[in-house]
Amino acid sequence: MAIFIKENGKIISYDPNYRELLWKDEQTAVATITEYIKYADIIKLSKEEAELIAGSVDNAISMATGM
């Protein structure tokens, strides 16, 4: 679906809204969130989410911007 949306010139925003109790485990959450971030033009992360998926806010910014 995300590929179709991108191919049609639309903007994708993504807010993972991570809730630990909704995931099987942290590793699955990080893998899934990281996969969806690849397609997003706009990403909204809390400090805690940034640290969870990238280790730090700075690393999350680098990951999101491709730096």
C-alpha atoms as a PDB file:
ATOM      1  CA  MET A   1       0.000   0.000   0.000  1.00  0.00           C
ATOM      2  CA  ALA A   2       2.764   2.459   0.916  1.00  0.00           C
ATOM      3  CA  ILE A   3       4.519   1.884  -2.404  1.00  0.00           C
ATOM      4  CA  PHE A   4       1.285   2.585  -4.294  1.00  0.00           C
ATOM      5  CA  ILE A   5       0.762   5.789  -2.315  1.00  0.00           C
ATOM      6  CA  LYS A   6       4.337   6.977  -2.947  1.00  0.00           C
ATOM      7  CA  GLU A   7       4.127   6.132  -6.659  1.00  0.00           C
ATOM      8  CA  ASN A   8       1.051   8.339  -6.880  1.00  0.00           C
ATOM      9  CA  GLY A   9       2.825  11.362  -5.435  1.00  0.00           C
ATOM     10  CA  LYS A  10       1.166  11.377  -2.033  1.00  0.00           C
ATOM     11  CA  ILE A  11       2.825  12.243   1.258  1.00  0.00           C
ATOM     12  CA  ILE A  12       2.968   9.622   3.988  1.00  0.00           C
ATOM     13  CA  SER A  13       3.147  10.583   7.640  1.00  0.00           C
ATOM     14  CA  TYR A  14       3.908   8.027  10.343  1.00  0.00           C
ATOM     15  CA  ASP A  15       3.530   8.074  14.113  1.00  0.00           C
ATOM     16  CA  PRO A  16       4.304   4.651  15.579  1.00  0.00           C
ATOM     17  CA  ASN A  17       2.623   5.533  18.896  1.00  0.00           C
ATOM     18  CA  TYR A  18       4.575   2.696  20.543  1.00  0.00           C
ATOM     19  CA  ARG A  19       2.775   0.894  23.371  1.00  0.00           C
ATOM     20  CA  GLU A  20       4.838  -1.934  24.829  1.00  0.00           C
ATOM     21  CA  LEU A  21       1.837  -4.049  25.834  1.00  0.00           C
ATOM     22  CA  LEU A  22       0.576  -4.190  22.248  1.00  0.00           C
ATOM     23  CA  TRP A  23       3.700  -5.885  20.896  1.00  0.00           C
ATOM     24  CA  LYS A  24       4.905  -9.482  21.149  1.00  0.00           C
ATOM     25  CA  ASP A  25       8.361  -8.192  22.077  1.00  0.00           C
ATOM     26  CA  GLU A  26      10.581  -5.150  21.661  1.00  0.00           C
ATOM     27  CA  GLN A  27      12.567  -6.652  18.780  1.00  0.00           C
ATOM     28  CA  THR A  28       9.394  -7.163  16.707  1.00  0.00           C
ATOM     29  CA  ALA A  29       8.256  -3.617  17.440  1.00  0.00           C
ATOM     30  CA  VAL A  30      11.579  -2.098  16.401  1.00  0.00           C
ATOM     31  CA  ALA A  31      11.736  -4.155  13.192  1.00  0.00           C
ATOM     32  CA  THR A  32       8.178  -3.201  12.219  1.00  0.00           C
ATOM     33  CA  ILE A  33       8.522   0.482  13.070  1.00  0.00           C
ATOM     34  CA  THR A  34      11.842   0.678  11.205  1.00  0.00           C
ATOM     35  CA  GLU A  35      10.268  -0.908   8.117  1.00  0.00           C
ATOM     36  CA  TYR A  36       7.396   1.613   8.043  1.00  0.00           C
ATOM     37  CA  ILE A  37       9.724   4.568   8.573  1.00  0.00           C
ATOM     38  CA  LYS A  38      11.351   3.778   5.205  1.00  0.00           C
ATOM     39  CA  TYR A  39       8.186   4.919   3.429  1.00  0.00           C
ATOM     40  CA  ALA A  40       7.360   7.989   5.504  1.00  0.00           C
ATOM     41  CA  ASP A  41       7.919  11.577   4.433  1.00  0.00           C
ATOM     42  CA  ILE A  42       6.954  12.907   7.851  1.00  0.00           C
ATOM     43  CA  ILE A  43       7.794  10.996  11.029  1.00  0.00           C
ATOM     44  CA  LYS A  44       6.611  11.878  14.518  1.00  0.00           C
ATOM     45  CA  LEU A  45       8.574  10.161  17.287  1.00  0.00           C
ATOM     46  CA  SER A  46       8.619  10.707  21.001  1.00  0.00           C
ATOM     47  CA  LYS A  47      12.018  10.817  22.696  1.00  0.00           C
ATOM     48  CA  GLU A  48      11.352   7.328  24.054  1.00  0.00           C
ATOM     49  CA  GLU A  49      10.443   5.970  20.607  1.00  0.00           C
ATOM     50  CA  ALA A  50      13.568   7.511  19.080  1.00  0.00           C
ATOM     51  CA  GLU A  51      15.727   5.905  21.750  1.00  0.00           C
ATOM     52  CA  LEU A  52      13.950   2.560  21.310  1.00  0.00           C
ATOM     53  CA  ILE A  53      14.427   2.326  17.552  1.00  0.00           C
ATOM     54  CA  ALA A  54      17.755   4.105  17.114  1.00  0.00           C
ATOM     55  CA  GLY A  55      19.485   4.292  20.481  1.00  0.00           C
ATOM     56  CA  SER A  56      19.264   8.082  20.645  1.00  0.00           C
ATOM     57  CA  VAL A  57      17.359  11.036  19.249  1.00  0.00           C
ATOM     58  CA  ASP A  58      20.365  12.042  17.120  1.00  0.00           C
ATOM     59  CA  ASN A  59      20.584   8.548  15.629  1.00  0.00           C
ATOM     60  CA  ALA A  60      16.849   8.616  14.851  1.00  0.00           C
ATOM     61  CA  ILE A  61      17.238  11.945  13.057  1.00  0.00           C
ATOM     62  CA  SER A  62      20.127  10.556  11.031  1.00  0.00           C
ATOM     63  CA  MET A  63      18.143   7.436  10.193  1.00  0.00           C
ATOM     64  CA  ALA A  64      15.084   9.438   9.147  1.00  0.00           C
ATOM     65  CA  THR A  65      17.013  11.881   7.001  1.00  0.00           C
ATOM     66  CA  GLY A  66      19.347   9.302   5.475  1.00  0.00           C
ATOM     67  CA  MET A  67      22.406  11.064   6.848  1.00  0.00           C
END
